[in-house]
Amino acid sequence: MAPSQPGHRVIQINLNHCEAATEDLMLFMSEKKVDVALVQESWIITIKMRACIVTRRALKLTLLSHYSTNDVSVATCEDQKGFKLLLVSAYMPYDEENPPPEAVRNLVREARRMSQQLVIGCDSNGHHIQWGSKDIKERGESIMDFILSNNLTICNRDNLPTFANKIRQEVLDLTLTTEGRRLIVEDWRVDLERSFSDHRRILFRIEVPLRRGTNPYPEKPNRDYIDSTVEKLGEVLVRAFKNSCPVSRPRKNIKPWWNAELRQTRTGIKKLYNKAQKKKTEESWDVYRKCFNEYKKKIREAKWVSVKEFSESITDTNEAARLRQVLSKEPMVPSNIRRPDNS
């Protein structure tokens, strides 16, 4: 197999407009060091947008607004070698005829014309046995025709359901890529851990093989090259050891409002969800829903307390002015800093 450049860790998920699922995604990305999230139906109150792309700050990403819509977000990701990759998060409404949306069709057509590689993470809302569904429906046939006519590759594996609730389990979420030697999607899998959404997390890694002619090894290695390689290998081993056995230090909270009680509640809810999935009884689902609603309430309360403590701690004029400037960008008062009487 040809050597490749360091890849990007990617997560794909439909959050079902759930606040708890959105916050859990942010925690998951921080804990697992995920680079990119292709998200559908996130918890955004003030924006009618059903697709977005979330990245870590260090990643160079450029939004392509002329290709993006409320249901399709498109961005370019550029690596250190100048290789550009199109990343797409798309939501395909279940009541829309002739999927995928026109924006996706135009984008794929343009990518083929420009010979650009792209990765599409989408909630297709379509059924087809080709990606693991139990049957074939009209929407699935339309999407499959589009995939075949544009030489796209379906990355889904193992036929594991990407959507699961009390009533049914289906494969609705797809990861699609263009065919090409310069793009490899590896370790594609469905994460069965509770995501607090009806949709499960999809995890994979994007690798970019080195171009021909960029072999880093000389044909006839000399003594200096060998010494240099051994030295680099020693540095890599030492760095790997330090990463595997880090010095224990007090860890700062990922979010100021996140605490031990919420972490314990989060773990307990995941256990209740797994229990309900196994028993499949009305009583077990009622217990799960009750605890899940209490968990969401605790998140809101913790955010409120955190914002209140932060506001009361501001004594410097510059900090107060900066907070006022941030809030003035959005005329609607965020729900997390409203008074209990909703004022």
C-alpha atoms as a PDB file:
ATOM      1  CA  MET A   1       0.000   0.000   0.000  1.00  0.00           C
ATOM      2  CA  ALA A   2       1.299   3.473  -0.901  1.00  0.00           C
ATOM      3  CA  PRO A   3       2.420   5.749   1.956  1.00  0.00           C
ATOM      4  CA  SER A   4      -0.056   8.472   2.911  1.00  0.00           C
ATOM      5  CA  GLN A   5      -0.097  11.836   4.605  1.00  0.00           C
ATOM      6  CA  PRO A   6      -1.559  12.137   8.135  1.00  0.00           C
ATOM      7  CA  GLY A   7      -5.337  11.907   7.839  1.00  0.00           C
ATOM      8  CA  HIS A   8      -8.312  13.696   9.369  1.00  0.00           C
ATOM      9  CA  ARG A   9     -10.604  12.097  11.933  1.00  0.00           C
ATOM     10  CA  VAL A  10     -14.225  12.685  10.942  1.00  0.00           C
ATOM     11  CA  ILE A  11     -17.565  12.203  12.671  1.00  0.00           C
ATOM     12  CA  GLN A  12     -20.932  12.287  10.910  1.00  0.00           C
ATOM     13  CA  ILE A  13     -24.286  12.569  12.732  1.00  0.00           C
ATOM     14  CA  ASN A  14     -27.831  13.910  12.605  1.00  0.00           C
ATOM     15  CA  LEU A  15     -28.464  15.553  15.996  1.00  0.00           C
ATOM     16  CA  ASN A  16     -32.268  15.675  15.616  1.00  0.00           C
ATOM     17  CA  HIS A  17     -32.356  19.290  16.929  1.00  0.00           C
ATOM     18  CA  CYS A  18     -31.486  17.988  20.408  1.00  0.00           C
ATOM     19  CA  GLU A  19     -29.552  20.243  22.791  1.00  0.00           C
ATOM     20  CA  ALA A  20     -28.150  17.316  24.790  1.00  0.00           C
ATOM     21  CA  ALA A  21     -26.961  15.563  21.595  1.00  0.00           C
ATOM     22  CA  THR A  22     -25.297  18.780  20.379  1.00  0.00           C
ATOM     23  CA  GLU A  23     -23.437  19.291  23.657  1.00  0.00           C
ATOM     24  CA  ASP A  24     -22.457  15.610  23.703  1.00  0.00           C
ATOM     25  CA  LEU A  25     -20.989  15.978  20.195  1.00  0.00           C
ATOM     26  CA  MET A  26     -18.792  18.882  21.350  1.00  0.00           C
ATOM     27  CA  LEU A  27     -17.559  16.831  24.307  1.00  0.00           C
ATOM     28  CA  PHE A  28     -16.948  13.792  22.082  1.00  0.00           C
ATOM     29  CA  MET A  29     -14.905  15.830  19.571  1.00  0.00           C
ATOM     30  CA  SER A  30     -12.742  17.228  22.366  1.00  0.00           C
ATOM     31  CA  GLU A  31     -12.243  13.899  24.148  1.00  0.00           C
ATOM     32  CA  LYS A  32     -11.535  11.853  20.991  1.00  0.00           C
ATOM     33  CA  LYS A  33      -9.613  14.628  19.183  1.00  0.00           C
ATOM     34  CA  VAL A  34     -11.944  14.610  16.164  1.00  0.00           C
ATOM     35  CA  ASP A  35     -10.967  17.041  13.387  1.00  0.00           C
ATOM     36  CA  VAL A  36     -14.222  17.460  11.443  1.00  0.00           C
ATOM     37  CA  ALA A  37     -17.921  16.886  12.127  1.00  0.00           C
ATOM     38  CA  LEU A  38     -20.448  16.629   9.274  1.00  0.00           C
ATOM     39  CA  VAL A  39     -23.668  17.534  11.079  1.00  0.00           C
ATOM     40  CA  GLN A  40     -27.336  17.539  10.141  1.00  0.00           C
ATOM     41  CA  GLU A  41     -30.218  19.048  12.157  1.00  0.00           C
ATOM     42  CA  SER A  42     -28.127  20.554  14.933  1.00  0.00           C
ATOM     43  CA  TRP A  43     -29.559  22.449  17.900  1.00  0.00           C
ATOM     44  CA  ILE A  44     -29.523  26.020  16.549  1.00  0.00           C
ATOM     45  CA  ILE A  45     -32.514  28.067  17.659  1.00  0.00           C
ATOM     46  CA  THR A  46     -32.060  31.292  15.702  1.00  0.00           C
ATOM     47  CA  ILE A  47     -30.923  29.855  12.340  1.00  0.00           C
ATOM     48  CA  LYS A  48     -33.092  27.747  10.040  1.00  0.00           C
ATOM     49  CA  MET A  49     -30.214  25.560   8.895  1.00  0.00           C
ATOM     50  CA  ARG A  50     -30.274  21.771   8.721  1.00  0.00           C
ATOM     51  CA  ALA A  51     -26.654  21.117   7.700  1.00  0.00           C
ATOM     52  CA  CYS A  52     -23.341  22.433   9.004  1.00  0.00           C
ATOM     53  CA  ILE A  53     -19.655  21.523   9.322  1.00  0.00           C
ATOM     54  CA  VAL A  54     -17.799  21.819  12.634  1.00  0.00           C
ATOM     55  CA  THR A  55     -13.986  21.736  12.822  1.00  0.00           C
ATOM     56  CA  ARG A  56     -11.222  22.235  15.329  1.00  0.00           C
ATOM     57  CA  ARG A  57      -9.551  25.645  15.167  1.00  0.00           C
ATOM     58  CA  ALA A  58      -6.209  24.399  13.837  1.00  0.00           C
ATOM     59  CA  LEU A  59      -7.762  23.024  10.645  1.00  0.00           C
ATOM     60  CA  LYS A  60      -7.770  25.271   7.575  1.00  0.00           C
ATOM     61  CA  LEU A  61     -11.332  25.194   6.265  1.00  0.00           C
ATOM     62  CA  THR A  62     -13.044  27.583   3.845  1.00  0.00           C
ATOM     63  CA  LEU A  63     -16.841  27.732   3.526  1.00  0.00           C
ATOM     64  CA  LEU A  64     -18.110  27.814  -0.078  1.00  0.00           C
ATOM     65  CA  SER A  65     -21.239  29.904   0.360  1.00  0.00           C
ATOM     66  CA  HIS A  66     -22.130  29.847  -3.355  1.00  0.00           C
ATOM     67  CA  TYR A  67     -22.615  26.057  -3.156  1.00  0.00           C
ATOM     68  CA  SER A  68     -24.199  26.003   0.315  1.00  0.00           C
ATOM     69  CA  THR A  69     -27.890  26.179   1.235  1.00  0.00           C
ATOM     70  CA  ASN A  70     -29.883  25.630   4.424  1.00  0.00           C
ATOM     71  CA  ASP A  71     -29.782  21.879   3.739  1.00  0.00           C
ATOM     72  CA  VAL A  72     -26.265  21.644   2.250  1.00  0.00           C
ATOM     73  CA  SER A  73     -22.979  22.963   3.704  1.00  0.00           C
ATOM     74  CA  VAL A  74     -19.853  22.839   1.532  1.00  0.00           C
ATOM     75  CA  ALA A  75     -16.277  23.669   2.529  1.00  0.00           C
ATOM     76  CA  THR A  76     -12.764  23.073   1.215  1.00  0.00           C
ATOM     77  CA  CYS A  77     -10.109  21.517   3.414  1.00  0.00           C
ATOM     78  CA  GLU A  78      -6.500  22.146   2.374  1.00  0.00           C
ATOM     79  CA  ASP A  79      -3.510  20.213   3.699  1.00  0.00           C
ATOM     80  CA  GLN A  80       0.122  21.304   3.974  1.00  0.00           C
ATOM     81  CA  LYS A  81       0.905  19.905   0.513  1.00  0.00           C
ATOM     82  CA  GLY A  82      -1.773  22.047  -1.120  1.00  0.00           C
ATOM     83  CA  PHE A  83      -4.217  19.179  -1.726  1.00  0.00           C
ATOM     84  CA  LYS A  84      -7.792  20.488  -1.571  1.00  0.00           C
ATOM     85  CA  LEU A  85     -10.699  18.297  -0.540  1.00  0.00           C
ATOM     86  CA  LEU A  86     -14.378  19.194  -0.706  1.00  0.00           C
ATOM     87  CA  LEU A  87     -16.323  18.341   2.462  1.00  0.00           C
ATOM     88  CA  VAL A  88     -20.114  18.243   2.275  1.00  0.00           C
ATOM     89  CA  SER A  89     -22.774  17.894   4.958  1.00  0.00           C
ATOM     90  CA  ALA A  90     -26.227  17.377   3.453  1.00  0.00           C
ATOM     91  CA  TYR A  91     -29.757  16.821   4.750  1.00  0.00           C
ATOM     92  CA  MET A  92     -32.225  15.327   2.268  1.00  0.00           C
ATOM     93  CA  PRO A  93     -35.791  16.143   3.427  1.00  0.00           C
ATOM     94  CA  TYR A  94     -38.054  13.078   3.539  1.00  0.00           C
ATOM     95  CA  ASP A  95     -40.859  14.966   1.751  1.00  0.00           C
ATOM     96  CA  GLU A  96     -38.672  16.207  -1.122  1.00  0.00           C
ATOM     97  CA  GLU A  97     -39.233  14.609  -4.494  1.00  0.00           C
ATOM     98  CA  ASN A  98     -36.423  13.270  -6.687  1.00  0.00           C
ATOM     99  CA  PRO A  99     -33.555  13.337  -4.155  1.00  0.00           C
ATOM    100  CA  PRO A 100     -30.757  14.301  -3.754  1.00  0.00           C
ATOM    101  CA  PRO A 101     -31.285  18.107  -3.672  1.00  0.00           C
ATOM    102  CA  GLU A 102     -30.330  20.149  -6.723  1.00  0.00           C
ATOM    103  CA  ALA A 103     -27.476  21.771  -4.753  1.00  0.00           C
ATOM    104  CA  VAL A 104     -25.839  18.358  -4.252  1.00  0.00           C
ATOM    105  CA  ARG A 105     -26.316  17.427  -7.919  1.00  0.00           C
ATOM    106  CA  ASN A 106     -24.724  20.680  -9.092  1.00  0.00           C
ATOM    107  CA  LEU A 107     -21.821  20.314  -6.663  1.00  0.00           C
ATOM    108  CA  VAL A 108     -20.972  16.765  -7.735  1.00  0.00           C
ATOM    109  CA  ARG A 109     -21.229  17.781 -11.383  1.00  0.00           C
ATOM    110  CA  GLU A 110     -18.825  20.680 -10.782  1.00  0.00           C
ATOM    111  CA  ALA A 111     -16.424  18.504  -8.771  1.00  0.00           C
ATOM    112  CA  ARG A 112     -16.236  16.001 -11.621  1.00  0.00           C
ATOM    113  CA  ARG A 113     -15.603  18.802 -14.116  1.00  0.00           C
ATOM    114  CA  MET A 114     -12.783  20.219 -11.947  1.00  0.00           C
ATOM    115  CA  SER A 115     -11.431  16.739 -11.043  1.00  0.00           C
ATOM    116  CA  GLN A 116     -11.786  17.536  -7.346  1.00  0.00           C
ATOM    117  CA  GLN A 117     -12.158  14.896  -4.647  1.00  0.00           C
ATOM    118  CA  LEU A 118     -15.114  15.199  -2.275  1.00  0.00           C
ATOM    119  CA  VAL A 119     -16.621  13.485   0.750  1.00  0.00           C
ATOM    120  CA  ILE A 120     -20.365  13.741   1.391  1.00  0.00           C
ATOM    121  CA  GLY A 121     -21.909  12.939   4.771  1.00  0.00           C
ATOM    122  CA  CYS A 122     -25.694  12.952   4.465  1.00  0.00           C
ATOM    123  CA  ASP A 123     -28.968  11.935   6.063  1.00  0.00           C
ATOM    124  CA  SER A 124     -30.580  10.490   2.943  1.00  0.00           C
ATOM    125  CA  ASN A 125     -33.968   9.493   4.407  1.00  0.00           C
ATOM    126  CA  GLY A 126     -33.897   6.799   1.735  1.00  0.00           C
ATOM    127  CA  HIS A 127     -34.138   2.991   1.726  1.00  0.00           C
ATOM    128  CA  HIS A 128     -32.063   0.714  -0.507  1.00  0.00           C
ATOM    129  CA  ILE A 129     -30.566  -2.722   0.055  1.00  0.00           C
ATOM    130  CA  GLN A 130     -27.295  -1.494  -1.458  1.00  0.00           C
ATOM    131  CA  TRP A 131     -26.461   0.379   1.754  1.00  0.00           C
ATOM    132  CA  GLY A 132     -28.079  -2.044   4.192  1.00  0.00           C
ATOM    133  CA  SER A 133     -31.808  -1.272   4.197  1.00  0.00           C
ATOM    134  CA  LYS A 134     -34.302  -4.125   4.374  1.00  0.00           C
ATOM    135  CA  ASP A 135     -36.218  -2.889   1.325  1.00  0.00           C
ATOM    136  CA  ILE A 136     -36.053  -0.523  -1.649  1.00  0.00           C
ATOM    137  CA  LYS A 137     -38.258   2.548  -1.866  1.00  0.00           C
ATOM    138  CA  GLU A 138     -38.681   5.260  -4.485  1.00  0.00           C
ATOM    139  CA  ARG A 139     -36.417   7.738  -2.690  1.00  0.00           C
ATOM    140  CA  GLY A 140     -33.692   5.120  -2.366  1.00  0.00           C
ATOM    141  CA  GLU A 141     -33.903   4.279  -6.063  1.00  0.00           C
ATOM    142  CA  SER A 142     -33.517   7.952  -6.995  1.00  0.00           C
ATOM    143  CA  ILE A 143     -30.456   8.348  -4.760  1.00  0.00           C
ATOM    144  CA  MET A 144     -28.920   5.098  -6.038  1.00  0.00           C
ATOM    145  CA  ASP A 145     -29.365   6.214  -9.665  1.00  0.00           C
ATOM    146  CA  PHE A 146     -27.545   9.444  -8.799  1.00  0.00           C
ATOM    147  CA  ILE A 147     -24.691   7.513  -7.122  1.00  0.00           C
ATOM    148  CA  LEU A 148     -24.235   5.184 -10.108  1.00  0.00           C
ATOM    149  CA  SER A 149     -24.475   7.889 -12.764  1.00  0.00           C
ATOM    150  CA  ASN A 150     -21.770   9.960 -11.027  1.00  0.00           C
ATOM    151  CA  ASN A 151     -19.400   7.081 -10.137  1.00  0.00           C
ATOM    152  CA  LEU A 152     -19.665   7.780  -6.405  1.00  0.00           C
ATOM    153  CA  THR A 153     -18.525   5.250  -3.805  1.00  0.00           C
ATOM    154  CA  ILE A 154     -20.682   4.213  -0.829  1.00  0.00           C
ATOM    155  CA  CYS A 155     -18.446   3.919   2.254  1.00  0.00           C
ATOM    156  CA  ASN A 156     -21.074   2.300   4.534  1.00  0.00           C
ATOM    157  CA  ARG A 157     -20.042  -1.094   5.913  1.00  0.00           C
ATOM    158  CA  ASP A 158     -21.546  -4.005   7.895  1.00  0.00           C
ATOM    159  CA  ASN A 159     -25.208  -2.945   7.375  1.00  0.00           C
ATOM    160  CA  LEU A 160     -25.431  -1.618  10.949  1.00  0.00           C
ATOM    161  CA  PRO A 161     -28.427   0.726  11.456  1.00  0.00           C
ATOM    162  CA  THR A 162     -27.466   4.398  11.629  1.00  0.00           C
ATOM    163  CA  PHE A 163     -30.938   5.329  12.923  1.00  0.00           C
ATOM    164  CA  ALA A 164     -32.450   3.567  15.939  1.00  0.00           C
ATOM    165  CA  ASN A 165     -35.383   4.434  18.188  1.00  0.00           C
ATOM    166  CA  LYS A 166     -38.057   2.579  20.114  1.00  0.00           C
ATOM    167  CA  ILE A 167     -40.058   1.722  16.967  1.00  0.00           C
ATOM    168  CA  ARG A 168     -37.548   0.881  14.242  1.00  0.00           C
ATOM    169  CA  GLN A 169     -33.928   0.654  13.113  1.00  0.00           C
ATOM    170  CA  GLU A 170     -32.810   1.737   9.642  1.00  0.00           C
ATOM    171  CA  VAL A 171     -29.745   2.654   7.586  1.00  0.00           C
ATOM    172  CA  LEU A 172     -30.522   6.264   6.596  1.00  0.00           C
ATOM    173  CA  ASP A 173     -27.152   8.016   6.843  1.00  0.00           C
ATOM    174  CA  LEU A 174     -24.665   7.657   3.983  1.00  0.00           C
ATOM    175  CA  THR A 175     -21.029   8.551   3.426  1.00  0.00           C
ATOM    176  CA  LEU A 176     -20.216   9.058  -0.255  1.00  0.00           C
ATOM    177  CA  THR A 177     -16.925   9.813  -1.994  1.00  0.00           C
ATOM    178  CA  THR A 178     -15.716  10.367  -5.524  1.00  0.00           C
ATOM    179  CA  GLU A 179     -13.582   7.639  -7.047  1.00  0.00           C
ATOM    180  CA  GLY A 180      -9.908   8.526  -7.144  1.00  0.00           C
ATOM    181  CA  ARG A 181      -6.470   7.359  -6.090  1.00  0.00           C
ATOM    182  CA  ARG A 182      -5.835  10.504  -4.072  1.00  0.00           C
ATOM    183  CA  LEU A 183      -8.564   9.862  -1.500  1.00  0.00           C
ATOM    184  CA  ILE A 184      -8.975   6.986   0.923  1.00  0.00           C
ATOM    185  CA  VAL A 185     -11.708   6.646   3.562  1.00  0.00           C
ATOM    186  CA  GLU A 186     -10.571   4.194   6.245  1.00  0.00           C
ATOM    187  CA  ASP A 187     -11.968   2.716   9.474  1.00  0.00           C
ATOM    188  CA  TRP A 188     -15.581   3.594   8.567  1.00  0.00           C
ATOM    189  CA  ARG A 189     -17.820   2.368  11.389  1.00  0.00           C
ATOM    190  CA  VAL A 190     -21.071   3.018  13.241  1.00  0.00           C
ATOM    191  CA  ASP A 191     -20.528   3.893  16.908  1.00  0.00           C
ATOM    192  CA  LEU A 192     -23.088   2.002  19.022  1.00  0.00           C
ATOM    193  CA  GLU A 193     -22.519   4.188  22.092  1.00  0.00           C
ATOM    194  CA  ARG A 194     -25.497   6.411  22.979  1.00  0.00           C
ATOM    195  CA  SER A 195     -25.342   9.774  21.165  1.00  0.00           C
ATOM    196  CA  PHE A 196     -28.565  11.264  22.700  1.00  0.00           C
ATOM    197  CA  SER A 197     -30.004  11.467  19.179  1.00  0.00           C
ATOM    198  CA  ASP A 198     -32.102   8.968  17.210  1.00  0.00           C
ATOM    199  CA  HIS A 199     -29.124   8.771  14.840  1.00  0.00           C
ATOM    200  CA  ARG A 200     -25.863   7.074  15.738  1.00  0.00           C
ATOM    201  CA  ARG A 201     -22.397   8.510  15.274  1.00  0.00           C
ATOM    202  CA  ILE A 202     -20.523   7.512  12.124  1.00  0.00           C
ATOM    203  CA  LEU A 203     -16.728   7.613  12.486  1.00  0.00           C
ATOM    204  CA  PHE A 204     -14.065   7.385   9.797  1.00  0.00           C
ATOM    205  CA  ARG A 205     -10.669   8.698   8.771  1.00  0.00           C
ATOM    206  CA  ILE A 206      -9.698  10.486   5.552  1.00  0.00           C
ATOM    207  CA  GLU A 207      -6.248   9.616   4.208  1.00  0.00           C
ATOM    208  CA  VAL A 208      -4.499  11.273   1.251  1.00  0.00           C
ATOM    209  CA  PRO A 209      -1.851   9.028  -0.391  1.00  0.00           C
ATOM    210  CA  LEU A 210       1.382  10.667  -1.520  1.00  0.00           C
ATOM    211  CA  ARG A 211       1.632  11.474  -5.214  1.00  0.00           C
ATOM    212  CA  ARG A 212       3.796   9.450  -7.537  1.00  0.00           C
ATOM    213  CA  GLY A 213       7.303  10.796  -7.628  1.00  0.00           C
ATOM    214  CA  THR A 214       7.204  11.914  -3.996  1.00  0.00           C
ATOM    215  CA  ASN A 215       8.935   8.818  -2.588  1.00  0.00           C
ATOM    216  CA  PRO A 216      10.636  10.071   0.604  1.00  0.00           C
ATOM    217  CA  TYR A 217      13.283   7.317   0.486  1.00  0.00           C
ATOM    218  CA  PRO A 218      16.442   7.757  -1.647  1.00  0.00           C
ATOM    219  CA  GLU A 219      17.325   4.922  -3.998  1.00  0.00           C
ATOM    220  CA  LYS A 220      20.797   4.492  -2.463  1.00  0.00           C
ATOM    221  CA  PRO A 221      20.760   5.535   1.188  1.00  0.00           C
ATOM    222  CA  ASN A 222      24.110   6.797   2.466  1.00  0.00           C
ATOM    223  CA  ARG A 223      25.526   6.875   6.014  1.00  0.00           C
ATOM    224  CA  ASP A 224      24.257  10.392   6.739  1.00  0.00           C
ATOM    225  CA  TYR A 225      20.746   9.450   5.655  1.00  0.00           C
ATOM    226  CA  ILE A 226      20.757   6.345   7.867  1.00  0.00           C
ATOM    227  CA  ASP A 227      22.012   8.327  10.882  1.00  0.00           C
ATOM    228  CA  SER A 228      19.358  10.982  10.307  1.00  0.00           C
ATOM    229  CA  THR A 229      16.609   8.366   9.974  1.00  0.00           C
ATOM    230  CA  VAL A 230      17.679   6.593  13.178  1.00  0.00           C
ATOM    231  CA  GLU A 231      17.670   9.916  15.038  1.00  0.00           C
ATOM    232  CA  LYS A 232      14.178  10.732  13.798  1.00  0.00           C
ATOM    233  CA  LEU A 233      12.991   7.251  14.743  1.00  0.00           C
ATOM    234  CA  GLY A 234      14.317   7.779  18.278  1.00  0.00           C
ATOM    235  CA  GLU A 235      12.462  11.101  18.518  1.00  0.00           C
ATOM    236  CA  VAL A 236       9.250   9.474  17.330  1.00  0.00           C
ATOM    237  CA  LEU A 237       9.561   6.649  19.882  1.00  0.00           C
ATOM    238  CA  VAL A 238      10.217   9.077  22.729  1.00  0.00           C
ATOM    239  CA  ARG A 239       7.274  11.240  21.676  1.00  0.00           C
ATOM    240  CA  ALA A 240       5.021   8.174  21.402  1.00  0.00           C
ATOM    241  CA  PHE A 241       6.074   7.093  24.902  1.00  0.00           C
ATOM    242  CA  LYS A 242       5.313  10.533  26.346  1.00  0.00           C
ATOM    243  CA  ASN A 243       1.912  10.582  24.624  1.00  0.00           C
ATOM    244  CA  SER A 244       1.053   7.101  25.893  1.00  0.00           C
ATOM    245  CA  CYS A 245       2.287   7.775  29.448  1.00  0.00           C
ATOM    246  CA  PRO A 246       1.607  11.465  30.098  1.00  0.00           C
ATOM    247  CA  VAL A 247       2.543  13.152  33.341  1.00  0.00           C
ATOM    248  CA  SER A 248      -0.545  13.352  35.529  1.00  0.00           C
ATOM    249  CA  ARG A 249      -1.714  16.924  36.050  1.00  0.00           C
ATOM    250  CA  PRO A 250      -4.976  18.460  37.271  1.00  0.00           C
ATOM    251  CA  ARG A 251      -7.293  18.561  34.285  1.00  0.00           C
ATOM    252  CA  LYS A 252      -9.254  21.663  33.456  1.00  0.00           C
ATOM    253  CA  ASN A 253     -12.928  21.191  32.615  1.00  0.00           C
ATOM    254  CA  ILE A 254     -13.712  20.976  28.899  1.00  0.00           C
ATOM    255  CA  LYS A 255     -16.644  23.318  29.469  1.00  0.00           C
ATOM    256  CA  PRO A 256     -17.032  25.617  32.494  1.00  0.00           C
ATOM    257  CA  TRP A 257     -20.525  24.271  33.253  1.00  0.00           C
ATOM    258  CA  TRP A 258     -19.600  20.581  32.877  1.00  0.00           C
ATOM    259  CA  ASN A 259     -19.267  18.808  36.224  1.00  0.00           C
ATOM    260  CA  ALA A 260     -18.984  15.391  37.856  1.00  0.00           C
ATOM    261  CA  GLU A 261     -22.734  15.098  38.428  1.00  0.00           C
ATOM    262  CA  LEU A 262     -23.508  15.641  34.730  1.00  0.00           C
ATOM    263  CA  ARG A 263     -20.790  13.171  33.730  1.00  0.00           C
ATOM    264  CA  GLN A 264     -22.269  10.533  36.057  1.00  0.00           C
ATOM    265  CA  THR A 265     -25.797  11.221  34.817  1.00  0.00           C
ATOM    266  CA  ARG A 266     -24.629  10.976  31.196  1.00  0.00           C
ATOM    267  CA  THR A 267     -23.094   7.540  31.859  1.00  0.00           C
ATOM    268  CA  GLY A 268     -26.237   6.340  33.637  1.00  0.00           C
ATOM    269  CA  ILE A 269     -28.504   7.420  30.763  1.00  0.00           C
ATOM    270  CA  LYS A 270     -26.398   5.513  28.250  1.00  0.00           C
ATOM    271  CA  LYS A 271     -26.804   2.383  30.390  1.00  0.00           C
ATOM    272  CA  LEU A 272     -30.577   2.920  30.592  1.00  0.00           C
ATOM    273  CA  TYR A 273     -30.736   3.339  26.796  1.00  0.00           C
ATOM    274  CA  ASN A 274     -28.849   0.071  26.227  1.00  0.00           C
ATOM    275  CA  LYS A 275     -31.141  -1.653  28.728  1.00  0.00           C
ATOM    276  CA  ALA A 276     -34.240  -0.339  26.944  1.00  0.00           C
ATOM    277  CA  GLN A 277     -32.870  -1.493  23.581  1.00  0.00           C
ATOM    278  CA  LYS A 278     -32.398  -5.024  24.944  1.00  0.00           C
ATOM    279  CA  LYS A 279     -35.668  -5.365  26.890  1.00  0.00           C
ATOM    280  CA  LYS A 280     -37.845  -3.465  24.386  1.00  0.00           C
ATOM    281  CA  THR A 281     -40.562  -2.894  27.012  1.00  0.00           C
ATOM    282  CA  GLU A 282     -42.700   0.199  27.517  1.00  0.00           C
ATOM    283  CA  GLU A 283     -41.614   0.430  31.145  1.00  0.00           C
ATOM    284  CA  SER A 284     -37.878   0.460  30.336  1.00  0.00           C
ATOM    285  CA  TRP A 285     -38.378   3.164  27.663  1.00  0.00           C
ATOM    286  CA  ASP A 286     -40.424   5.278  30.105  1.00  0.00           C
ATOM    287  CA  VAL A 287     -37.616   5.095  32.679  1.00  0.00           C
ATOM    288  CA  TYR A 288     -35.067   6.116  30.019  1.00  0.00           C
ATOM    289  CA  ARG A 289     -37.173   9.047  28.744  1.00  0.00           C
ATOM    290  CA  LYS A 290     -37.785  10.335  32.267  1.00  0.00           C
ATOM    291  CA  CYS A 291     -34.058  10.308  33.136  1.00  0.00           C
ATOM    292  CA  PHE A 292     -33.133  11.789  29.750  1.00  0.00           C
ATOM    293  CA  ASN A 293     -35.501  14.740  30.287  1.00  0.00           C
ATOM    294  CA  GLU A 294     -34.022  15.283  33.756  1.00  0.00           C
ATOM    295  CA  TYR A 295     -30.529  15.230  32.207  1.00  0.00           C
ATOM    296  CA  LYS A 296     -31.477  17.939  29.691  1.00  0.00           C
ATOM    297  CA  LYS A 297     -32.930  20.026  32.518  1.00  0.00           C
ATOM    298  CA  LYS A 298     -29.693  19.669  34.511  1.00  0.00           C
ATOM    299  CA  ILE A 299     -27.661  20.823  31.505  1.00  0.00           C
ATOM    300  CA  ARG A 300     -29.743  24.004  31.196  1.00  0.00           C
ATOM    301  CA  GLU A 301     -29.485  24.655  34.942  1.00  0.00           C
ATOM    302  CA  ALA A 302     -25.702  24.130  34.904  1.00  0.00           C
ATOM    303  CA  LYS A 303     -25.323  26.527  31.964  1.00  0.00           C
ATOM    304  CA  TRP A 304     -27.439  29.136  33.722  1.00  0.00           C
ATOM    305  CA  VAL A 305     -25.392  28.908  36.916  1.00  0.00           C
ATOM    306  CA  SER A 306     -22.126  29.097  34.940  1.00  0.00           C
ATOM    307  CA  VAL A 307     -23.210  32.185  32.978  1.00  0.00           C
ATOM    308  CA  LYS A 308     -24.482  33.842  36.159  1.00  0.00           C
ATOM    309  CA  GLU A 309     -21.204  33.216  38.002  1.00  0.00           C
ATOM    310  CA  PHE A 310     -19.197  34.453  35.020  1.00  0.00           C
ATOM    311  CA  SER A 311     -21.285  37.637  34.745  1.00  0.00           C
ATOM    312  CA  GLU A 312     -20.963  38.356  38.464  1.00  0.00           C
ATOM    313  CA  SER A 313     -17.186  37.836  38.308  1.00  0.00           C
ATOM    314  CA  ILE A 314     -16.670  40.545  35.665  1.00  0.00           C
ATOM    315  CA  THR A 315     -15.068  43.584  37.295  1.00  0.00           C
ATOM    316  CA  ASP A 316     -12.927  44.880  34.450  1.00  0.00           C
ATOM    317  CA  THR A 317     -14.490  47.427  32.053  1.00  0.00           C
ATOM    318  CA  ASN A 318     -12.852  45.823  29.010  1.00  0.00           C
ATOM    319  CA  GLU A 319     -14.325  42.401  29.803  1.00  0.00           C
ATOM    320  CA  ALA A 320     -17.785  43.882  30.275  1.00  0.00           C
ATOM    321  CA  ALA A 321     -17.510  45.775  26.984  1.00  0.00           C
ATOM    322  CA  ARG A 322     -16.396  42.594  25.161  1.00  0.00           C
ATOM    323  CA  LEU A 323     -19.350  40.630  26.571  1.00  0.00           C
ATOM    324  CA  ARG A 324     -21.754  43.380  25.504  1.00  0.00           C
ATOM    325  CA  GLN A 325     -20.254  43.379  21.992  1.00  0.00           C
ATOM    326  CA  VAL A 326     -20.707  39.603  21.669  1.00  0.00           C
ATOM    327  CA  LEU A 327     -24.331  39.731  22.799  1.00  0.00           C
ATOM    328  CA  SER A 328     -25.147  42.720  20.587  1.00  0.00           C
ATOM    329  CA  LYS A 329     -24.366  40.680  17.447  1.00  0.00           C
ATOM    330  CA  GLU A 330     -27.581  38.743  17.990  1.00  0.00           C
ATOM    331  CA  PRO A 331     -30.586  40.853  19.070  1.00  0.00           C
ATOM    332  CA  MET A 332     -32.413  37.828  20.490  1.00  0.00           C
ATOM    333  CA  VAL A 333     -31.479  37.132  24.111  1.00  0.00           C
ATOM    334  CA  PRO A 334     -29.964  33.617  24.356  1.00  0.00           C
ATOM    335  CA  SER A 335     -32.214  31.250  26.304  1.00  0.00           C
ATOM    336  CA  ASN A 336     -29.370  30.296  28.635  1.00  0.00           C
ATOM    337  CA  ILE A 337     -29.209  33.781  30.192  1.00  0.00           C
ATOM    338  CA  ARG A 338     -32.908  34.471  30.553  1.00  0.00           C
ATOM    339  CA  ARG A 339     -34.385  34.931  34.006  1.00  0.00           C
ATOM    340  CA  PRO A 340     -36.585  32.179  35.441  1.00  0.00           C
ATOM    341  CA  ASP A 341     -39.652  34.227  34.472  1.00  0.00           C
ATOM    342  CA  ASN A 342     -38.414  34.208  30.819  1.00  0.00           C
ATOM    343  CA  SER A 343     -37.644  37.955  30.854  1.00  0.00           C
END
